[in-house]
N, C-alpha and C. Protein backbone atom coordinates (compact mmCIF):
# COMPACT_ATOMS: atom_id res chain seq x y z
N MET A 1 13.53 136.04 101.63
CA MET A 1 12.96 134.47 102.26
C MET A 1 13.25 134.55 103.15
N THR A 2 11.98 133.78 103.87
CA THR A 2 11.95 133.43 105.80
C THR A 2 12.86 132.18 106.23
N LYS A 3 13.25 132.41 107.12
CA LYS A 3 13.87 130.94 107.91
C LYS A 3 13.58 129.95 107.25
N GLY A 4 12.09 130.09 108.16
CA GLY A 4 10.93 128.97 107.59
C GLY A 4 10.71 128.29 105.82
N ALA A 5 10.80 129.55 105.25
CA ALA A 5 10.76 129.40 103.44
C ALA A 5 12.01 128.72 103.23
N ASP A 6 12.97 129.43 103.83
CA ASP A 6 14.37 128.52 103.23
C ASP A 6 14.25 127.10 104.21
N THR A 7 14.01 126.67 105.53
CA THR A 7 14.10 125.46 105.53
C THR A 7 13.39 124.36 104.62
N LYS A 8 11.97 124.69 104.21
CA LYS A 8 10.37 124.01 103.45
C LYS A 8 11.54 123.98 102.09
N LYS A 9 12.10 125.05 101.46
CA LYS A 9 12.17 124.81 100.25
C LYS A 9 13.86 123.65 100.15
N SER A 10 14.56 123.62 101.38
CA SER A 10 15.29 122.62 101.82
C SER A 10 15.16 121.52 101.61
N ILE A 11 13.89 121.28 102.05
CA ILE A 11 13.31 119.72 102.38
C ILE A 11 12.97 119.65 101.17
N LEU A 12 11.99 120.50 100.53
CA LEU A 12 11.42 119.87 99.33
C LEU A 12 12.73 119.77 97.81
N GLU A 13 13.70 120.07 98.28
CA GLU A 13 14.91 120.36 97.18
C GLU A 13 15.49 118.65 97.61
N ALA A 14 15.48 118.39 98.69
CA ALA A 14 15.76 116.98 99.19
C ALA A 14 14.58 115.62 99.01
N GLY A 15 13.77 116.12 99.16
CA GLY A 15 12.10 114.75 98.83
C GLY A 15 12.16 115.16 97.14
N LEU A 16 12.32 115.84 96.59
CA LEU A 16 12.64 115.81 94.76
C LEU A 16 13.43 114.90 94.28
N GLU A 17 14.72 114.85 95.23
CA GLU A 17 15.65 114.54 94.62
C GLU A 17 15.66 112.76 94.94
N MET A 18 15.23 112.83 96.06
CA MET A 18 14.28 111.12 96.15
C MET A 18 13.67 110.79 95.64
N ALA A 19 12.31 111.46 95.47
CA ALA A 19 11.67 111.06 94.30
C ALA A 19 12.07 110.26 93.25
N SER A 20 12.89 111.48 92.68
CA SER A 20 13.77 111.36 91.33
C SER A 20 14.66 109.67 91.65
N ARG A 21 15.07 109.70 92.70
CA ARG A 21 15.53 108.20 92.83
C ARG A 21 14.89 107.11 93.30
N LEU A 22 14.26 107.19 93.79
CA LEU A 22 13.42 106.22 94.26
C LEU A 22 12.13 106.08 94.55
N GLY A 23 11.40 107.04 93.38
CA GLY A 23 9.79 107.23 93.39
C GLY A 23 9.32 108.27 94.45
N LEU A 24 7.92 108.71 94.26
CA LEU A 24 7.44 109.45 94.94
C LEU A 24 7.07 109.10 96.02
N GLU A 25 6.64 107.46 95.45
CA GLU A 25 5.55 106.99 96.93
C GLU A 25 6.71 106.60 97.55
N SER A 26 7.90 106.25 97.44
CA SER A 26 8.80 106.58 98.52
C SER A 26 9.36 107.29 99.85
N VAL A 27 8.73 108.90 99.25
CA VAL A 27 9.41 110.12 100.20
C VAL A 27 8.22 110.04 101.04
N THR A 28 8.85 109.49 102.21
CA THR A 28 7.65 110.19 103.75
C THR A 28 8.30 110.81 104.51
N ILE A 29 7.55 110.65 105.92
CA ILE A 29 7.27 112.09 106.36
C ILE A 29 9.22 111.28 107.39
N GLY A 30 8.97 109.98 107.68
CA GLY A 30 10.44 109.45 108.64
C GLY A 30 11.74 109.64 107.45
N GLU A 31 11.64 108.88 106.31
CA GLU A 31 12.57 108.92 105.43
C GLU A 31 13.20 110.31 105.17
N LEU A 32 12.45 111.19 104.48
CA LEU A 32 12.90 112.45 104.63
C LEU A 32 13.49 113.40 105.96
N ALA A 33 12.97 113.10 106.38
CA ALA A 33 13.55 113.51 108.10
C ALA A 33 14.72 113.24 108.20
N LYS A 34 14.87 111.20 107.88
CA LYS A 34 16.19 110.85 108.38
C LYS A 34 17.45 111.53 107.29
N ALA A 35 16.93 112.09 105.77
CA ALA A 35 17.72 112.47 104.74
C ALA A 35 18.38 114.10 105.20
N THR A 36 17.22 114.51 105.82
CA THR A 36 17.66 116.18 105.89
C THR A 36 18.13 116.35 107.21
N GLY A 37 18.11 115.30 108.13
CA GLY A 37 18.69 115.31 109.41
C GLY A 37 17.57 116.47 110.29
N MET A 38 16.48 116.39 110.05
CA MET A 38 15.31 117.06 111.02
C MET A 38 15.00 116.32 111.34
N SER A 39 13.87 116.39 112.70
CA SER A 39 13.07 115.60 113.37
C SER A 39 12.07 115.14 112.40
N LYS A 40 11.60 113.97 112.57
CA LYS A 40 9.98 113.60 112.52
C LYS A 40 8.88 115.02 112.45
N SER A 41 8.81 115.38 113.61
CA SER A 41 7.45 116.44 114.12
C SER A 41 7.90 117.46 113.21
N GLY A 42 9.53 117.62 113.32
CA GLY A 42 9.79 119.03 112.73
C GLY A 42 9.42 119.33 111.35
N LEU A 43 9.78 117.79 110.53
CA LEU A 43 9.13 117.66 109.32
C LEU A 43 7.81 117.91 109.02
N PHE A 44 7.05 117.08 110.04
CA PHE A 44 5.53 117.50 109.93
C PHE A 44 4.60 118.56 109.93
N ALA A 45 5.40 119.35 110.40
CA ALA A 45 4.88 120.64 110.95
C ALA A 45 4.91 121.39 109.96
N HIS A 46 6.10 121.55 108.94
CA HIS A 46 5.31 121.92 107.59
C HIS A 46 5.00 120.66 106.45
N PHE A 47 4.79 120.35 106.72
CA PHE A 47 3.28 119.24 105.46
C PHE A 47 2.28 118.49 106.26
N LYS A 48 1.77 118.36 107.20
CA LYS A 48 0.58 117.78 107.91
C LYS A 48 0.95 116.52 107.81
N SER A 49 1.00 115.68 107.05
CA SER A 49 1.06 114.68 106.32
C SER A 49 1.71 113.89 105.05
N LYS A 50 1.48 113.15 105.14
CA LYS A 50 2.73 112.44 103.59
C LYS A 50 2.54 112.61 102.07
N GLU A 51 0.82 112.59 101.92
CA GLU A 51 0.17 112.60 100.70
C GLU A 51 0.46 114.45 100.85
N ASN A 52 0.42 115.58 101.83
CA ASN A 52 0.47 116.81 101.31
C ASN A 52 2.12 117.17 101.03
N LEU A 53 3.25 116.53 101.94
CA LEU A 53 4.25 116.46 101.39
C LEU A 53 4.76 115.71 99.51
N GLN A 54 3.73 114.72 99.41
CA GLN A 54 4.21 114.45 97.96
C GLN A 54 3.56 115.36 97.15
N ILE A 55 2.67 116.02 97.62
CA ILE A 55 1.39 116.82 96.61
C ILE A 55 2.95 118.26 96.63
N GLU A 56 3.58 118.49 97.70
CA GLU A 56 4.50 119.92 97.23
C GLU A 56 5.67 119.61 96.76
N ILE A 57 6.21 118.33 96.71
CA ILE A 57 6.86 118.26 96.10
C ILE A 57 6.82 117.77 94.41
N LEU A 58 5.38 117.68 94.13
CA LEU A 58 5.28 117.54 92.79
C LEU A 58 5.04 119.41 92.26
N HIS A 59 4.32 120.15 93.55
CA HIS A 59 4.41 121.20 92.91
C HIS A 59 5.64 122.26 92.74
N PHE A 60 6.40 121.78 93.93
CA PHE A 60 7.97 122.28 93.74
C PHE A 60 8.90 122.01 92.53
N ALA A 61 8.91 120.49 92.13
CA ALA A 61 9.16 120.42 90.95
C ALA A 61 8.33 120.93 89.97
N GLY A 62 7.24 121.02 89.78
CA GLY A 62 6.69 121.29 88.58
C GLY A 62 7.16 123.32 88.01
N GLU A 63 7.37 123.65 89.42
CA GLU A 63 7.65 124.78 89.33
C GLU A 63 8.98 125.05 88.86
N LEU A 64 10.12 124.23 89.26
CA LEU A 64 11.62 124.17 88.46
C LEU A 64 11.31 123.68 87.27
N PHE A 65 10.06 122.69 86.67
CA PHE A 65 10.20 122.15 85.40
C PHE A 65 10.11 123.57 84.76
N SER A 66 9.23 124.14 84.71
CA SER A 66 8.45 125.51 84.55
C SER A 66 9.60 126.23 83.69
N LYS A 67 10.21 126.74 84.60
CA LYS A 67 11.35 127.66 85.21
C LYS A 67 12.36 127.53 84.03
N GLY A 68 12.60 125.89 84.17
CA GLY A 68 14.01 125.37 83.93
C GLY A 68 13.42 124.75 81.90
N VAL A 69 12.36 124.59 81.71
CA VAL A 69 12.12 123.66 80.42
C VAL A 69 11.33 124.42 80.17
N ILE A 70 9.91 124.96 80.01
CA ILE A 70 9.35 126.08 79.42
C ILE A 70 9.78 127.31 79.20
N VAL A 71 9.66 128.16 80.16
CA VAL A 71 10.20 129.04 79.97
C VAL A 71 11.21 129.71 78.86
N PRO A 72 12.24 129.17 79.20
CA PRO A 72 13.48 129.59 78.54
C PRO A 72 12.99 129.18 77.18
N ALA A 73 12.13 127.90 76.77
CA ALA A 73 11.94 127.42 75.57
C ALA A 73 10.96 128.92 75.02
N LEU A 74 9.74 129.67 75.87
CA LEU A 74 9.36 130.09 74.90
C LEU A 74 9.80 131.91 74.98
N ARG A 75 11.73 132.08 74.90
CA ARG A 75 12.58 132.93 75.12
C ARG A 75 12.77 132.91 73.54
N THR A 76 12.61 131.64 72.90
CA THR A 76 13.31 131.52 71.53
C THR A 76 11.82 131.59 70.26
N LYS A 77 12.32 131.87 69.23
CA LYS A 77 11.30 132.18 68.44
C LYS A 77 10.52 131.24 68.09
N ALA A 78 9.20 131.50 68.07
CA ALA A 78 7.97 130.53 67.85
C ALA A 78 8.24 129.62 66.17
N GLY A 79 8.38 128.30 66.42
CA GLY A 79 8.20 127.18 65.34
C GLY A 79 9.45 126.39 65.80
N VAL A 80 9.76 125.54 64.67
CA VAL A 80 10.59 124.40 64.80
C VAL A 80 11.55 124.41 65.82
N ASP A 81 12.12 125.94 65.91
CA ASP A 81 13.52 125.91 66.88
C ASP A 81 12.87 125.77 68.35
N ARG A 82 12.05 126.65 68.66
CA ARG A 82 11.46 126.56 69.56
C ARG A 82 10.64 125.46 70.55
N ILE A 83 10.62 124.21 69.13
CA ILE A 83 10.46 122.93 70.09
C ILE A 83 11.57 122.32 69.81
N ARG A 84 12.57 122.19 69.23
CA ARG A 84 14.09 122.08 69.68
C ARG A 84 14.36 122.25 70.69
N GLN A 85 14.00 123.60 71.31
CA GLN A 85 14.77 123.90 72.44
C GLN A 85 13.97 123.67 73.55
N LEU A 86 12.39 123.43 73.94
CA LEU A 86 12.22 122.73 74.60
C LEU A 86 12.65 121.72 74.67
N VAL A 87 12.59 120.91 73.76
CA VAL A 87 13.40 118.99 73.75
C VAL A 87 14.56 119.10 74.25
N ASP A 88 15.54 119.90 73.86
CA ASP A 88 16.30 120.23 74.64
C ASP A 88 16.63 120.43 76.02
N ASN A 89 15.52 121.73 76.26
CA ASN A 89 15.44 122.15 77.84
C ASN A 89 15.13 120.51 79.18
N TRP A 90 14.22 119.77 78.01
CA TRP A 90 13.79 118.87 78.70
C TRP A 90 14.60 117.78 79.08
N VAL A 91 15.14 117.54 78.19
CA VAL A 91 16.44 116.00 78.17
C VAL A 91 17.81 116.95 79.57
N GLN A 92 17.34 118.36 79.33
CA GLN A 92 18.89 118.54 80.83
C GLN A 92 18.05 118.29 82.29
N TRP A 93 16.66 118.84 81.94
CA TRP A 93 15.93 118.17 83.17
C TRP A 93 15.89 117.09 83.46
N THR A 94 16.11 116.14 82.82
CA THR A 94 15.88 114.62 83.34
C THR A 94 17.47 114.35 83.47
N GLY A 95 18.60 114.92 83.23
CA GLY A 95 19.65 114.57 83.41
C GLY A 95 20.35 115.25 84.73
N ARG A 96 19.56 116.52 85.51
CA ARG A 96 20.02 116.93 86.60
C ARG A 96 18.97 116.27 87.54
N LEU A 97 18.27 115.23 87.15
CA LEU A 97 17.78 114.65 88.45
C LEU A 97 18.49 113.25 88.49
N THR A 98 19.12 112.69 89.68
CA THR A 98 19.61 111.34 89.75
C THR A 98 18.89 110.16 89.11
N GLY A 99 17.75 110.20 89.23
CA GLY A 99 16.69 108.78 88.85
C GLY A 99 15.97 109.21 86.96
N GLY A 100 16.01 110.65 86.88
CA GLY A 100 15.66 111.38 85.79
C GLY A 100 14.43 112.10 86.65
N CYS A 101 13.20 112.18 85.23
CA CYS A 101 12.11 112.57 85.56
C CYS A 101 11.07 112.19 86.51
N ILE A 102 10.76 113.30 87.77
CA ILE A 102 9.90 112.70 88.66
C ILE A 102 8.61 112.26 87.96
N PHE A 103 8.30 113.45 87.36
CA PHE A 103 6.69 113.16 86.70
C PHE A 103 6.45 111.76 86.04
N VAL A 104 7.58 111.43 85.54
CA VAL A 104 7.85 110.46 84.72
C VAL A 104 7.34 109.05 85.74
N THR A 105 8.45 108.89 86.69
CA THR A 105 8.35 107.88 87.44
C THR A 105 7.23 107.87 88.95
N ALA A 106 6.55 109.40 88.93
CA ALA A 106 5.32 109.08 89.72
C ALA A 106 4.45 109.00 88.73
N SER A 107 4.32 108.92 87.77
CA SER A 107 3.03 108.51 86.53
C SER A 107 3.28 106.98 87.04
N THR A 108 4.14 106.04 87.14
CA THR A 108 4.16 104.81 87.20
C THR A 108 3.58 104.22 88.97
N ASP A 109 3.93 105.28 89.62
CA ASP A 109 3.95 104.78 91.03
C ASP A 109 1.96 105.72 91.24
N PHE A 110 1.36 106.01 90.86
CA PHE A 110 0.39 106.68 90.80
C PHE A 110 -0.68 106.84 89.91
N SER A 111 -0.66 106.07 88.56
CA SER A 111 -1.74 106.00 87.39
C SER A 111 -2.94 105.41 88.03
N ASN A 112 -3.20 104.29 88.88
CA ASN A 112 -4.27 103.46 88.93
C ASN A 112 -4.32 103.86 91.14
N ARG A 113 -3.58 104.53 91.22
CA ARG A 113 -4.19 105.00 93.05
C ARG A 113 -5.15 106.27 92.71
N PRO A 114 -6.36 106.27 92.98
CA PRO A 114 -6.78 107.62 93.51
C PRO A 114 -6.56 108.21 94.52
N GLY A 115 -7.05 109.70 94.37
CA GLY A 115 -6.28 110.36 95.52
C GLY A 115 -6.04 111.89 95.10
N LYS A 116 -5.67 112.52 96.20
CA LYS A 116 -5.20 114.15 96.05
C LYS A 116 -3.45 113.60 94.99
N VAL A 117 -2.97 112.86 95.12
CA VAL A 117 -1.77 112.96 94.77
C VAL A 117 -1.17 112.81 93.23
N ARG A 118 -2.54 111.41 92.92
CA ARG A 118 -2.43 111.03 91.55
C ARG A 118 -3.21 112.56 90.77
N ASP A 119 -4.51 113.24 91.37
CA ASP A 119 -5.45 114.42 91.05
C ASP A 119 -4.24 115.20 90.89
N ALA A 120 -3.04 115.55 92.00
CA ALA A 120 -2.32 116.65 91.53
C ALA A 120 -1.09 116.56 90.45
N LEU A 121 -0.75 115.29 90.23
CA LEU A 121 0.02 114.68 88.78
C LEU A 121 -0.45 115.03 87.49
N LEU A 122 -2.06 114.43 87.60
CA LEU A 122 -2.90 114.32 86.29
C LEU A 122 -2.59 115.59 86.41
N ALA A 123 -2.77 116.37 86.91
CA ALA A 123 -3.28 118.26 86.82
C ALA A 123 -1.95 118.37 86.06
N GLN A 124 -0.66 118.17 86.64
CA GLN A 124 0.12 118.75 86.14
C GLN A 124 0.49 118.32 84.91
N GLN A 125 -0.19 117.35 84.45
CA GLN A 125 1.07 116.52 82.70
C GLN A 125 -0.93 116.71 81.84
N GLU A 126 -1.67 116.88 82.03
CA GLU A 126 -2.78 117.74 81.61
C GLU A 126 -2.16 119.33 81.27
N GLU A 127 -1.47 120.02 82.21
CA GLU A 127 -1.37 121.36 81.74
C GLU A 127 0.25 120.83 80.75
N TRP A 128 0.81 119.73 80.86
CA TRP A 128 2.42 119.40 79.93
C TRP A 128 1.78 119.48 78.62
N LEU A 129 0.86 118.48 78.51
CA LEU A 129 0.21 118.10 77.33
C LEU A 129 -0.07 119.26 76.78
N GLY A 130 -1.00 120.63 77.80
CA GLY A 130 -1.61 121.50 76.91
C GLY A 130 -0.29 122.40 76.19
N SER A 131 0.92 122.75 76.85
CA SER A 131 1.75 123.33 76.48
C SER A 131 2.39 122.66 75.32
N LEU A 132 2.55 121.94 74.93
CA LEU A 132 2.80 120.90 73.60
C LEU A 132 1.85 121.67 72.69
N LYS A 133 0.55 121.30 73.05
CA LYS A 133 -0.12 121.65 71.87
C LYS A 133 -0.17 123.32 71.60
N ARG A 134 0.29 123.66 72.42
CA ARG A 134 0.56 125.05 72.29
C ARG A 134 1.54 125.60 71.68
N PHE A 135 3.00 124.89 71.62
CA PHE A 135 3.92 124.76 71.00
C PHE A 135 3.80 124.91 69.90
N CYS A 136 3.08 123.76 69.27
CA CYS A 136 2.56 123.25 67.92
C CYS A 136 1.69 123.89 67.22
N GLN A 137 0.45 124.60 68.01
CA GLN A 137 -0.15 125.68 67.23
C GLN A 137 0.50 127.29 67.16
N SER A 138 1.84 127.94 68.27
CA SER A 138 2.24 128.40 67.53
C SER A 138 3.54 128.66 66.36
N ALA A 139 3.73 127.22 66.11
CA ALA A 139 4.79 127.10 64.96
C ALA A 139 3.95 126.72 63.70
N MET A 140 3.09 126.60 63.65
CA MET A 140 1.63 126.17 63.01
C MET A 140 1.59 128.05 61.97
N ARG A 141 1.21 128.58 63.48
CA ARG A 141 0.74 130.39 63.00
C ARG A 141 2.19 130.86 62.53
N ALA A 142 3.53 130.55 63.07
CA ALA A 142 4.43 130.84 62.40
C ALA A 142 5.11 130.44 61.00
N GLY A 143 4.01 129.32 60.64
CA GLY A 143 4.05 129.00 59.03
C GLY A 143 5.35 127.82 58.98
N GLU A 144 5.96 127.22 60.03
CA GLU A 144 6.92 126.41 60.05
C GLU A 144 6.48 125.17 60.28
N LEU A 145 5.53 124.83 60.42
CA LEU A 145 4.60 123.76 60.67
C LEU A 145 2.89 123.61 60.01
N ARG A 146 2.74 122.48 59.12
CA ARG A 146 1.49 122.38 58.47
C ARG A 146 0.41 123.07 59.25
N ARG A 147 -0.41 123.67 58.25
CA ARG A 147 -1.68 124.27 59.34
C ARG A 147 -2.62 122.83 59.30
N ASP A 148 -2.63 121.84 58.40
CA ASP A 148 -3.82 121.20 59.27
C ASP A 148 -3.62 119.75 60.27
N ILE A 149 -2.28 120.58 61.10
CA ILE A 149 -2.09 119.07 61.79
C ILE A 149 -3.16 119.48 63.30
N ASP A 150 -3.41 117.73 63.78
CA ASP A 150 -3.77 117.89 65.21
C ASP A 150 -3.20 117.29 65.95
N CYS A 151 -3.26 119.05 66.56
CA CYS A 151 -1.75 118.90 67.76
C CYS A 151 -2.07 118.10 68.90
N ASP A 152 -3.47 117.63 68.70
CA ASP A 152 -3.25 116.99 69.96
C ASP A 152 -2.15 115.86 69.95
N GLN A 153 -2.70 115.03 68.44
CA GLN A 153 -1.41 113.66 67.89
C GLN A 153 0.06 114.64 67.82
N PHE A 154 0.16 115.78 67.47
CA PHE A 154 1.77 116.18 67.49
C PHE A 154 2.01 115.95 69.14
N ALA A 155 1.24 116.64 69.84
CA ALA A 155 1.38 116.41 71.50
C ALA A 155 2.13 114.99 72.00
N PHE A 156 1.09 113.85 71.49
CA PHE A 156 1.47 112.39 71.71
C PHE A 156 2.72 111.89 71.32
N ASP A 157 3.04 112.19 70.22
CA ASP A 157 3.78 111.95 69.38
C ASP A 157 5.43 112.42 69.90
N LEU A 158 5.27 113.82 70.07
CA LEU A 158 6.29 114.68 70.69
C LEU A 158 6.92 113.69 72.21
N TYR A 159 5.71 113.56 73.12
CA TYR A 159 5.97 113.17 74.81
C TYR A 159 5.81 111.73 74.86
N SER A 160 5.91 111.03 73.36
CA SER A 160 6.27 109.18 73.28
C SER A 160 7.53 109.91 73.42
N LEU A 161 8.03 110.47 72.17
CA LEU A 161 9.76 110.47 71.65
C LEU A 161 10.65 111.00 73.35
N LEU A 162 9.88 111.65 74.39
CA LEU A 162 10.97 112.55 75.31
C LEU A 162 10.54 110.85 76.11
N LEU A 163 9.38 110.06 76.37
CA LEU A 163 9.77 109.21 77.29
C LEU A 163 10.04 107.72 76.66
N GLY A 164 10.35 108.36 75.54
CA GLY A 164 11.71 106.57 75.26
C GLY A 164 12.91 107.47 75.20
N PHE A 165 12.55 108.82 74.99
CA PHE A 165 14.22 109.04 75.89
C PHE A 165 14.86 109.09 76.80
N HIS A 166 13.85 108.67 77.88
CA HIS A 166 13.90 108.48 79.38
C HIS A 166 13.94 107.03 79.67
N LEU A 167 13.06 106.23 78.95
CA LEU A 167 13.56 105.01 79.21
C LEU A 167 14.94 104.12 78.40
N TYR A 168 15.55 104.88 77.49
CA TYR A 168 16.84 104.53 77.10
C TYR A 168 17.72 105.11 77.81
N HIS A 169 17.87 106.28 78.11
CA HIS A 169 18.99 107.28 78.84
C HIS A 169 18.78 106.68 80.28
N LYS A 170 17.89 106.95 81.06
CA LYS A 170 17.93 106.74 82.54
C LYS A 170 17.83 104.78 82.87
N LEU A 171 17.31 103.78 81.84
CA LEU A 171 17.25 102.18 82.30
C LEU A 171 18.39 101.96 81.65
N LEU A 172 18.31 102.11 80.22
CA LEU A 172 19.11 100.90 79.32
C LEU A 172 20.49 101.35 78.93
N GLN A 173 20.69 103.36 80.07
CA GLN A 173 21.94 103.85 79.53
C GLN A 173 22.77 103.51 78.07
N ASN A 174 21.86 103.98 77.12
CA ASN A 174 22.61 103.63 76.04
C ASN A 174 23.00 104.60 75.49
N LYS A 175 24.66 104.46 75.07
CA LYS A 175 25.52 105.59 75.01
C LYS A 175 24.98 106.44 73.65
N GLU A 176 24.39 105.97 72.94
CA GLU A 176 23.73 106.39 71.51
C GLU A 176 22.63 107.20 71.59
N THR A 177 21.64 107.34 72.60
CA THR A 177 20.66 107.72 73.19
C THR A 177 20.21 108.88 72.61
N ARG A 178 21.29 109.96 72.86
CA ARG A 178 21.30 111.08 72.39
C ARG A 178 20.41 111.72 70.96
N ASN A 179 22.07 111.10 70.21
CA ASN A 179 21.81 110.52 68.82
C ASN A 179 20.42 109.82 68.24
N HIS A 180 19.90 109.08 68.75
CA HIS A 180 18.90 108.34 68.53
C HIS A 180 17.78 109.33 68.62
N GLN A 181 17.96 110.17 69.52
CA GLN A 181 16.46 111.02 70.32
C GLN A 181 16.89 112.18 69.04
N GLU A 182 17.66 112.59 68.76
CA GLU A 182 17.52 114.17 67.93
C GLU A 182 17.65 113.25 66.49
N THR A 183 17.69 112.14 65.71
CA THR A 183 16.89 111.48 64.30
C THR A 183 15.61 111.67 64.61
N ALA A 184 15.27 110.98 65.54
CA ALA A 184 14.08 110.81 66.02
C ALA A 184 13.43 112.13 66.30
N LEU A 185 13.28 113.14 66.43
CA LEU A 185 12.85 114.48 66.61
C LEU A 185 12.83 114.83 65.20
N ASN A 186 14.08 115.01 64.33
CA ASN A 186 14.08 115.41 63.14
C ASN A 186 12.88 114.76 62.10
N ARG A 187 12.79 113.51 62.33
CA ARG A 187 12.14 112.44 61.42
C ARG A 187 10.36 113.23 61.83
N LEU A 188 9.94 113.38 63.02
CA LEU A 188 8.76 113.83 63.16
C LEU A 188 8.82 115.06 62.99
N LEU A 189 9.83 116.02 63.32
CA LEU A 189 9.02 117.38 62.42
C LEU A 189 9.10 117.82 61.23
N GLU A 190 9.80 116.65 60.49
CA GLU A 190 9.95 116.23 58.55
C GLU A 190 8.40 115.89 58.47
N ASP A 191 7.82 115.10 59.34
CA ASP A 191 6.22 114.76 58.86
C ASP A 191 5.39 115.54 59.21
N TYR A 192 5.63 116.27 60.19
CA TYR A 192 4.87 117.74 60.24
C TYR A 192 5.02 118.84 59.52
N ILE A 193 6.37 119.07 58.84
CA ILE A 193 6.35 120.40 58.40
C ILE A 193 5.69 120.35 56.85
């Protein structure tokens, strides 16, 4: 990796951490320059605008998410165990970020705000929901979920469970959240088996 690429990666890591804590909208070139000890002009040279910075943070987070959540789950045999591994990986992902999942917090910031950042976030969320559907389809093909499942509904149910976990874990800081999440996942899977 070149020095410029190393610097950009460090900036994106700091930006991701800031977005997790404060929300993606709070990540500006000026604030990130302060956090990284860089000059505004030096940081601006890498991204050219706040919008580009936010989009690159989303893309960077998406790469980390794919490597840390989806790809490791795909190494598990297709079926219910793969879905459980995906959920465990997602829970660990949210735990590694101070404020939780950047995609969850960014969806609040940008849900009603048209523009390129929202478009990038929307594309990522559609890809994530597509991944959840594919996990459902592979479990059906493996004979571990019923053949008559609506995979769109399964993706909705599973993501709703994950979003509930995020709320209970990050905002409510409920000590029983992990146990409740496991119970909810077991019930959800039983409904589809």
